[in-house]
PDB file of N, CA and C in Angstrom:
ATOM      1  N   MET A   1     103.905 128.864 221.484  1.00  0.00           N
ATOM      2  CA  MET A   1     105.350 128.709 221.482  1.00  0.00           C
ATOM      3  C   MET A   1     105.969 129.931 222.157  1.00  0.00           C
ATOM      4  N   ARG A   2     106.947 129.683 223.015  1.00  0.00           N
ATOM      5  CA  ARG A   2     107.644 130.778 223.706  1.00  0.00           C
ATOM      6  C   ARG A   2     108.416 131.633 222.700  1.00  0.00           C
ATOM      7  N   ILE A   3     108.544 132.917 223.007  1.00  0.00           N
ATOM      8  CA  ILE A   3     109.182 133.832 222.059  1.00  0.00           C
ATOM      9  C   ILE A   3     110.660 133.504 221.856  1.00  0.00           C
ATOM     10  N   ASP A   4     111.358 133.046 222.884  1.00  0.00           N
ATOM     11  CA  ASP A   4     112.772 132.713 222.698  1.00  0.00           C
ATOM     12  C   ASP A   4     112.931 131.494 221.783  1.00  0.00           C
ATOM     13  N   LYS A   5     112.062 130.517 221.910  1.00  0.00           N
ATOM     14  CA  LYS A   5     112.095 129.351 221.019  1.00  0.00           C
ATOM     15  C   LYS A   5     111.705 129.753 219.595  1.00  0.00           C
ATOM     16  N   PHE A   6     110.733 130.653 219.474  1.00  0.00           N
ATOM     17  CA  PHE A   6     110.292 131.095 218.150  1.00  0.00           C
ATOM     18  C   PHE A   6     111.414 131.811 217.410  1.00  0.00           C
ATOM     19  N   LEU A   7     112.100 132.746 218.077  1.00  0.00           N
ATOM     20  CA  LEU A   7     113.193 133.482 217.437  1.00  0.00           C
ATOM     21  C   LEU A   7     114.276 132.538 216.931  1.00  0.00           C
ATOM     22  N   ASN A   8     114.557 131.502 217.696  1.00  0.00           N
ATOM     23  CA  ASN A   8     115.569 130.537 217.285  1.00  0.00           C
ATOM     24  C   ASN A   8     115.066 129.638 216.161  1.00  0.00           C
ATOM     25  N   SER A   9     113.841 129.152 216.249  1.00  0.00           N
ATOM     26  CA  SER A   9     113.362 128.181 215.259  1.00  0.00           C
ATOM     27  C   SER A   9     113.122 128.795 213.881  1.00  0.00           C
ATOM     28  N   VAL A  10     112.853 130.105 213.803  1.00  0.00           N
ATOM     29  CA  VAL A  10     112.671 130.738 212.493  1.00  0.00           C
ATOM     30  C   VAL A  10     113.940 131.462 212.029  1.00  0.00           C
ATOM     31  N   ASN A  11     115.044 131.177 212.692  1.00  0.00           N
ATOM     32  CA  ASN A  11     116.368 131.661 212.299  1.00  0.00           C
ATOM     33  C   ASN A  11     116.556 133.168 212.410  1.00  0.00           C
ATOM     34  N   LEU A  12     115.893 133.818 213.361  1.00  0.00           N
ATOM     35  CA  LEU A  12     116.185 135.225 213.613  1.00  0.00           C
ATOM     36  C   LEU A  12     117.391 135.364 214.538  1.00  0.00           C
ATOM     37  N   THR A  13     117.662 134.327 215.329  1.00  0.00           N
ATOM     38  CA  THR A  13     118.887 134.257 216.128  1.00  0.00           C
ATOM     39  C   THR A  13     119.539 132.907 215.872  1.00  0.00           C
ATOM     40  N   LYS A  14     120.858 132.846 216.069  1.00  0.00           N
ATOM     41  CA  LYS A  14     121.577 131.600 215.795  1.00  0.00           C
ATOM     42  C   LYS A  14     121.343 130.550 216.873  1.00  0.00           C
ATOM     43  N   ARG A  15     121.231 130.993 218.122  1.00  0.00           N
ATOM     44  CA  ARG A  15     121.028 130.067 219.231  1.00  0.00           C
ATOM     45  C   ARG A  15     119.946 130.607 220.164  1.00  0.00           C
ATOM     46  N   ARG A  16     119.300 129.702 220.877  1.00  0.00           N
ATOM     47  CA  ARG A  16     118.254 130.102 221.812  1.00  0.00           C
ATOM     48  C   ARG A  16     118.831 130.960 222.941  1.00  0.00           C
ATOM     49  N   SER A  17     120.069 130.686 223.341  1.00  0.00           N
ATOM     50  CA  SER A  17     120.686 131.480 224.401  1.00  0.00           C
ATOM     51  C   SER A  17     120.884 132.929 223.963  1.00  0.00           C
ATOM     52  N   VAL A  18     121.150 133.147 222.675  1.00  0.00           N
ATOM     53  CA  VAL A  18     121.268 134.514 222.144  1.00  0.00           C
ATOM     54  C   VAL A  18     119.910 135.206 222.232  1.00  0.00           C
ATOM     55  N   ALA A  19     118.851 134.501 221.876  1.00  0.00           N
ATOM     56  CA  ALA A  19     117.500 135.054 221.963  1.00  0.00           C
ATOM     57  C   ALA A  19     117.162 135.398 223.405  1.00  0.00           C
ATOM     58  N   GLN A  20     117.526 134.531 224.339  1.00  0.00           N
ATOM     59  CA  GLN A  20     117.246 134.794 225.750  1.00  0.00           C
ATOM     60  C   GLN A  20     118.006 136.010 226.251  1.00  0.00           C
ATOM     61  N   ASP A  21     119.265 136.187 225.825  1.00  0.00           N
ATOM     62  CA  ASP A  21     120.047 137.366 226.209  1.00  0.00           C
ATOM     63  C   ASP A  21     119.427 138.640 225.649  1.00  0.00           C
ATOM     64  N   MET A  22     118.974 138.587 224.402  1.00  0.00           N
ATOM     65  CA  MET A  22     118.343 139.753 223.790  1.00  0.00           C
ATOM     66  C   MET A  22     117.065 140.136 224.555  1.00  0.00           C
ATOM     67  N   ILE A  23     116.283 139.143 224.919  1.00  0.00           N
ATOM     68  CA  ILE A  23     115.045 139.391 225.660  1.00  0.00           C
ATOM     69  C   ILE A  23     115.368 139.947 227.041  1.00  0.00           C
ATOM     70  N   LYS A  24     116.364 139.367 227.696  1.00  0.00           N
ATOM     71  CA  LYS A  24     116.766 139.798 229.035  1.00  0.00           C
ATOM     72  C   LYS A  24     117.213 141.256 229.044  1.00  0.00           C
ATOM     73  N   ASN A  25     117.855 141.699 227.963  1.00  0.00           N
ATOM     74  CA  ASN A  25     118.353 143.066 227.859  1.00  0.00           C
ATOM     75  C   ASN A  25     117.333 144.047 227.279  1.00  0.00           C
ATOM     76  N   GLY A  26     116.108 143.597 227.038  1.00  0.00           N
ATOM     77  CA  GLY A  26     115.047 144.494 226.580  1.00  0.00           C
ATOM     78  C   GLY A  26     115.111 144.869 225.120  1.00  0.00           C
ATOM     79  N   VAL A  27     115.786 144.079 224.304  1.00  0.00           N
ATOM     80  CA  VAL A  27     115.943 144.375 222.883  1.00  0.00           C
ATOM     81  C   VAL A  27     114.721 143.920 222.083  1.00  0.00           C
ATOM     82  N   VAL A  28     113.984 142.942 222.591  1.00  0.00           N
ATOM     83  CA  VAL A  28     112.868 142.340 221.860  1.00  0.00           C
ATOM     84  C   VAL A  28     111.541 142.879 222.389  1.00  0.00           C
ATOM     85  N   GLU A  29     110.688 143.327 221.452  1.00  0.00           N
ATOM     86  CA  GLU A  29     109.344 143.778 221.799  1.00  0.00           C
ATOM     87  C   GLU A  29     108.334 142.877 221.110  1.00  0.00           C
ATOM     88  N   LEU A  30     107.249 142.586 221.813  1.00  0.00           N
ATOM     89  CA  LEU A  30     106.153 141.804 221.263  1.00  0.00           C
ATOM     90  C   LEU A  30     104.904 142.665 221.342  1.00  0.00           C
ATOM     91  N   ASN A  31     104.362 143.020 220.193  1.00  0.00           N
ATOM     92  CA  ASN A  31     103.184 143.892 220.099  1.00  0.00           C
ATOM     93  C   ASN A  31     103.383 145.214 220.831  1.00  0.00           C
ATOM     94  N   GLY A  32     104.586 145.795 220.702  1.00  0.00           N
ATOM     95  CA  GLY A  32     104.863 147.114 221.266  1.00  0.00           C
ATOM     96  C   GLY A  32     105.275 147.127 222.726  1.00  0.00           C
ATOM     97  N   LYS A  33     105.345 145.967 223.373  1.00  0.00           N
ATOM     98  CA  LYS A  33     105.755 145.888 224.779  1.00  0.00           C
ATOM     99  C   LYS A  33     107.016 145.048 224.879  1.00  0.00           C
ATOM    100  N   VAL A  34     107.902 145.417 225.803  1.00  0.00           N
ATOM    101  CA  VAL A  34     109.126 144.645 226.005  1.00  0.00           C
ATOM    102  C   VAL A  34     108.737 143.236 226.426  1.00  0.00           C
ATOM    103  N   ALA A  35     109.294 142.247 225.732  1.00  0.00           N
ATOM    104  CA  ALA A  35     108.911 140.842 225.927  1.00  0.00           C
ATOM    105  C   ALA A  35     109.715 140.182 227.029  1.00  0.00           C
ATOM    106  N   LYS A  36     109.109 139.165 227.631  1.00  0.00           N
ATOM    107  CA  LYS A  36     109.803 138.281 228.552  1.00  0.00           C
ATOM    108  C   LYS A  36     109.931 136.934 227.859  1.00  0.00           C
ATOM    109  N   ALA A  37     110.944 136.143 228.239  1.00  0.00           N
ATOM    110  CA  ALA A  37     111.246 134.885 227.554  1.00  0.00           C
ATOM    111  C   ALA A  37     110.084 133.905 227.591  1.00  0.00           C
ATOM    112  N   SER A  38     109.257 133.979 228.606  1.00  0.00           N
ATOM    113  CA  SER A  38     108.161 133.019 228.749  1.00  0.00           C
ATOM    114  C   SER A  38     106.904 133.430 227.984  1.00  0.00           C
ATOM    115  N   LYS A  39     106.902 134.595 227.360  1.00  0.00           N
ATOM    116  CA  LYS A  39     105.723 135.086 226.647  1.00  0.00           C
ATOM    117  C   LYS A  39     105.461 134.244 225.401  1.00  0.00           C
ATOM    118  N   ASP A  40     104.208 133.876 225.200  1.00  0.00           N
ATOM    119  CA  ASP A  40     103.834 133.067 224.038  1.00  0.00           C
ATOM    120  C   ASP A  40     103.602 133.936 222.812  1.00  0.00           C
ATOM    121  N   VAL A  41     104.008 133.415 221.665  1.00  0.00           N
ATOM    122  CA  VAL A  41     103.814 134.074 220.378  1.00  0.00           C
ATOM    123  C   VAL A  41     102.609 133.438 219.693  1.00  0.00           C
ATOM    124  N   ASN A  42     101.768 134.258 219.083  1.00  0.00           N
ATOM    125  CA  ASN A  42     100.609 133.778 218.345  1.00  0.00           C
ATOM    126  C   ASN A  42     100.650 134.323 216.918  1.00  0.00           C
ATOM    127  N   VAL A  43      99.905 133.705 216.031  1.00  0.00           N
ATOM    128  CA  VAL A  43      99.819 134.174 214.650  1.00  0.00           C
ATOM    129  C   VAL A  43      99.223 135.589 214.655  1.00  0.00           C
ATOM    130  N   GLY A  44      99.848 136.485 213.900  1.00  0.00           N
ATOM    131  CA  GLY A  44      99.388 137.864 213.821  1.00  0.00           C
ATOM    132  C   GLY A  44     100.130 138.809 214.749  1.00  0.00           C
ATOM    133  N   ASP A  45     100.950 138.287 215.658  1.00  0.00           N
ATOM    134  CA  ASP A  45     101.725 139.138 216.558  1.00  0.00           C
ATOM    135  C   ASP A  45     102.821 139.863 215.794  1.00  0.00           C
ATOM    136  N   ARG A  46     103.265 140.980 216.346  1.00  0.00           N
ATOM    137  CA  ARG A  46     104.344 141.768 215.752  1.00  0.00           C
ATOM    138  C   ARG A  46     105.548 141.735 216.686  1.00  0.00           C
ATOM    139  N   ILE A  47     106.687 141.304 216.163  1.00  0.00           N
ATOM    140  CA  ILE A  47     107.929 141.236 216.922  1.00  0.00           C
ATOM    141  C   ILE A  47     108.865 142.305 216.399  1.00  0.00           C
ATOM    142  N   THR A  48     109.439 143.097 217.306  1.00  0.00           N
ATOM    143  CA  THR A  48     110.394 144.136 216.928  1.00  0.00           C
ATOM    144  C   THR A  48     111.712 143.857 217.627  1.00  0.00           C
ATOM    145  N   LEU A  49     112.793 143.843 216.856  1.00  0.00           N
ATOM    146  CA  LEU A  49     114.144 143.683 217.395  1.00  0.00           C
ATOM    147  C   LEU A  49     114.847 145.030 217.285  1.00  0.00           C
ATOM    148  N   ASN A  50     115.206 145.621 218.425  1.00  0.00           N
ATOM    149  CA  ASN A  50     115.842 146.935 218.458  1.00  0.00           C
ATOM    150  C   ASN A  50     117.351 146.768 218.559  1.00  0.00           C
ATOM    151  N   TYR A  51     118.032 147.041 217.444  1.00  0.00           N
ATOM    152  CA  TYR A  51     119.485 146.967 217.399  1.00  0.00           C
ATOM    153  C   TYR A  51     120.065 148.344 217.686  1.00  0.00           C
ATOM    154  N   LEU A  52     121.400 148.423 217.822  1.00  0.00           N
ATOM    155  CA  LEU A  52     122.052 149.712 218.088  1.00  0.00           C
ATOM    156  C   LEU A  52     121.865 150.695 216.946  1.00  0.00           C
ATOM    157  N   ASN A  53     121.854 150.200 215.709  1.00  0.00           N
ATOM    158  CA  ASN A  53     121.760 151.090 214.554  1.00  0.00           C
ATOM    159  C   ASN A  53     120.394 151.055 213.880  1.00  0.00           C
ATOM    160  N   GLY A  54     119.359 150.656 214.583  1.00  0.00           N
ATOM    161  CA  GLY A  54     118.017 150.633 214.015  1.00  0.00           C
ATOM    162  C   GLY A  54     117.210 149.469 214.554  1.00  0.00           C
ATOM    163  N   SER A  55     116.036 149.308 213.993  1.00  0.00           N
ATOM    164  CA  SER A  55     115.199 148.201 214.446  1.00  0.00           C
ATOM    165  C   SER A  55     114.543 147.526 213.247  1.00  0.00           C
ATOM    166  N   LYS A  56     114.158 146.277 213.448  1.00  0.00           N
ATOM    167  CA  LYS A  56     113.460 145.512 212.417  1.00  0.00           C
ATOM    168  C   LYS A  56     112.198 144.940 213.035  1.00  0.00           C
ATOM    169  N   SER A  57     111.116 145.002 212.276  1.00  0.00           N
ATOM    170  CA  SER A  57     109.837 144.469 212.743  1.00  0.00           C
ATOM    171  C   SER A  57     109.407 143.323 211.852  1.00  0.00           C
ATOM    172  N   TYR A  58     108.773 142.340 212.468  1.00  0.00           N
ATOM    173  CA  TYR A  58     108.307 141.157 211.764  1.00  0.00           C
ATOM    174  C   TYR A  58     106.887 140.839 212.209  1.00  0.00           C
ATOM    175  N   GLU A  59     106.104 140.307 211.286  1.00  0.00           N
ATOM    176  CA  GLU A  59     104.771 139.819 211.611  1.00  0.00           C
ATOM    177  C   GLU A  59     104.805 138.297 211.577  1.00  0.00           C
ATOM    178  N   VAL A  60     104.187 137.668 212.586  1.00  0.00           N
ATOM    179  CA  VAL A  60     104.160 136.211 212.675  1.00  0.00           C
ATOM    180  C   VAL A  60     103.054 135.699 211.764  1.00  0.00           C
ATOM    181  N   LEU A  61     103.422 134.875 210.779  1.00  0.00           N
ATOM    182  CA  LEU A  61     102.451 134.315 209.838  1.00  0.00           C
ATOM    183  C   LEU A  61     101.995 132.921 210.246  1.00  0.00           C
ATOM    184  N   ALA A  62     102.893 132.148 210.843  1.00  0.00           N
ATOM    185  CA  ALA A  62     102.578 130.783 211.275  1.00  0.00           C
ATOM    186  C   ALA A  62     103.581 130.370 212.337  1.00  0.00           C
ATOM    187  N   LEU A  63     103.225 129.359 213.102  1.00  0.00           N
ATOM    188  CA  LEU A  63     104.119 128.834 214.124  1.00  0.00           C
ATOM    189  C   LEU A  63     104.733 127.527 213.629  1.00  0.00           C
ATOM    190  N   PRO A  64     106.057 127.399 213.708  1.00  0.00           N
ATOM    191  CA  PRO A  64     106.691 126.163 213.254  1.00  0.00           C
ATOM    192  C   PRO A  64     106.350 124.995 214.178  1.00  0.00           C
ATOM    193  N   LEU A  65     106.247 123.822 213.598  1.00  0.00           N
ATOM    194  CA  LEU A  65     105.932 122.621 214.363  1.00  0.00           C
ATOM    195  C   LEU A  65     107.186 121.883 214.810  1.00  0.00           C
ATOM    196  N   THR A  66     108.326 122.245 214.239  1.00  0.00           N
ATOM    197  CA  THR A  66     109.579 121.587 214.573  1.00  0.00           C
ATOM    198  C   THR A  66     110.503 122.549 215.305  1.00  0.00           C
ATOM    199  N   LYS A  67     111.556 121.986 215.894  1.00  0.00           N
ATOM    200  CA  LYS A  67     112.503 122.784 216.664  1.00  0.00           C
ATOM    201  C   LYS A  67     113.271 123.770 215.789  1.00  0.00           C
ATOM    202  N   SER A  68     113.597 123.346 214.576  1.00  0.00           N
ATOM    203  CA  SER A  68     114.317 124.232 213.662  1.00  0.00           C
ATOM    204  C   SER A  68     113.728 124.102 212.264  1.00  0.00           C
ATOM    205  N   THR A  69     113.825 125.190 211.523  1.00  0.00           N
ATOM    206  CA  THR A  69     113.315 125.203 210.155  1.00  0.00           C
ATOM    207  C   THR A  69     114.432 125.671 209.232  1.00  0.00           C
ATOM    208  N   PRO A  70     114.423 125.243 207.980  1.00  0.00           N
ATOM    209  CA  PRO A  70     115.440 125.718 207.036  1.00  0.00           C
ATOM    210  C   PRO A  70     115.289 127.223 206.790  1.00  0.00           C
ATOM    211  N   LYS A  71     116.408 127.889 206.619  1.00  0.00           N
ATOM    212  CA  LYS A  71     116.370 129.329 206.384  1.00  0.00           C
ATOM    213  C   LYS A  71     115.586 129.660 205.110  1.00  0.00           C
ATOM    214  N   SER A  72     115.563 128.748 204.161  1.00  0.00           N
ATOM    215  CA  SER A  72     114.835 128.973 202.915  1.00  0.00           C
ATOM    216  C   SER A  72     113.316 129.018 203.138  1.00  0.00           C
ATOM    217  N   GLU A  73     112.836 128.468 204.240  1.00  0.00           N
ATOM    218  CA  GLU A  73     111.402 128.466 204.540  1.00  0.00           C
ATOM    219  C   GLU A  73     111.013 129.549 205.539  1.00  0.00           C
ATOM    220  N   GLN A  74     111.920 130.476 205.829  1.00  0.00           N
ATOM    221  CA  GLN A  74     111.673 131.520 206.812  1.00  0.00           C
ATOM    222  C   GLN A  74     110.462 132.381 206.444  1.00  0.00           C
ATOM    223  N   ASP A  75     110.238 132.626 205.148  1.00  0.00           N
ATOM    224  CA  ASP A  75     109.137 133.485 204.726  1.00  0.00           C
ATOM    225  C   ASP A  75     107.766 132.850 204.949  1.00  0.00           C
ATOM    226  N   LYS A  76     107.702 131.578 205.282  1.00  0.00           N
ATOM    227  CA  LYS A  76     106.432 130.937 205.623  1.00  0.00           C
ATOM    228  C   LYS A  76     105.971 131.307 207.031  1.00  0.00           C
ATOM    229  N   TYR A  77     106.936 131.690 207.879  1.00  0.00           N
ATOM    230  CA  TYR A  77     106.639 131.924 209.293  1.00  0.00           C
ATOM    231  C   TYR A  77     106.635 133.379 209.691  1.00  0.00           C
ATOM    232  N   ILE A  78     107.450 134.201 209.031  1.00  0.00           N
ATOM    233  CA  ILE A  78     107.518 135.629 209.371  1.00  0.00           C
ATOM    234  C   ILE A  78     107.552 136.480 208.100  1.00  0.00           C
ATOM    235  N   LYS A  79     107.076 137.709 208.268  1.00  0.00           N
ATOM    236  CA  LYS A  79     107.137 138.680 207.175  1.00  0.00           C
ATOM    237  C   LYS A  79     107.747 139.948 207.733  1.00  0.00           C
ATOM    238  N   GLU A  80     108.808 140.445 207.088  1.00  0.00           N
ATOM    239  CA  GLU A  80     109.451 141.669 207.554  1.00  0.00           C
ATOM    240  C   GLU A  80     108.581 142.859 207.164  1.00  0.00           C
ATOM    241  N   LEU A  81     108.397 143.757 208.112  1.00  0.00           N
ATOM    242  CA  LEU A  81     107.555 144.943 207.868  1.00  0.00           C
ATOM    243  C   LEU A  81     108.412 146.158 207.595  1.00  0.00           C
TER     244      LEU A  81
END
């Protein structure tokens, strides 16, 4: 699954276009490297979102099979580090 689709489907961003803008501006890192929108996410990868006032890191636990998942099920797919 592409990283921009993953960020949207696990509710880390509200829309896929927001995820694409974040990736385009170098805010998203995948395993310590600045990510591109076409990069695939795998189980065990580490995603870091660098905000102006800090950063948050997440570990990928599973890949969603649907386009969107309920926010209540977010902990099945990612774990905040």
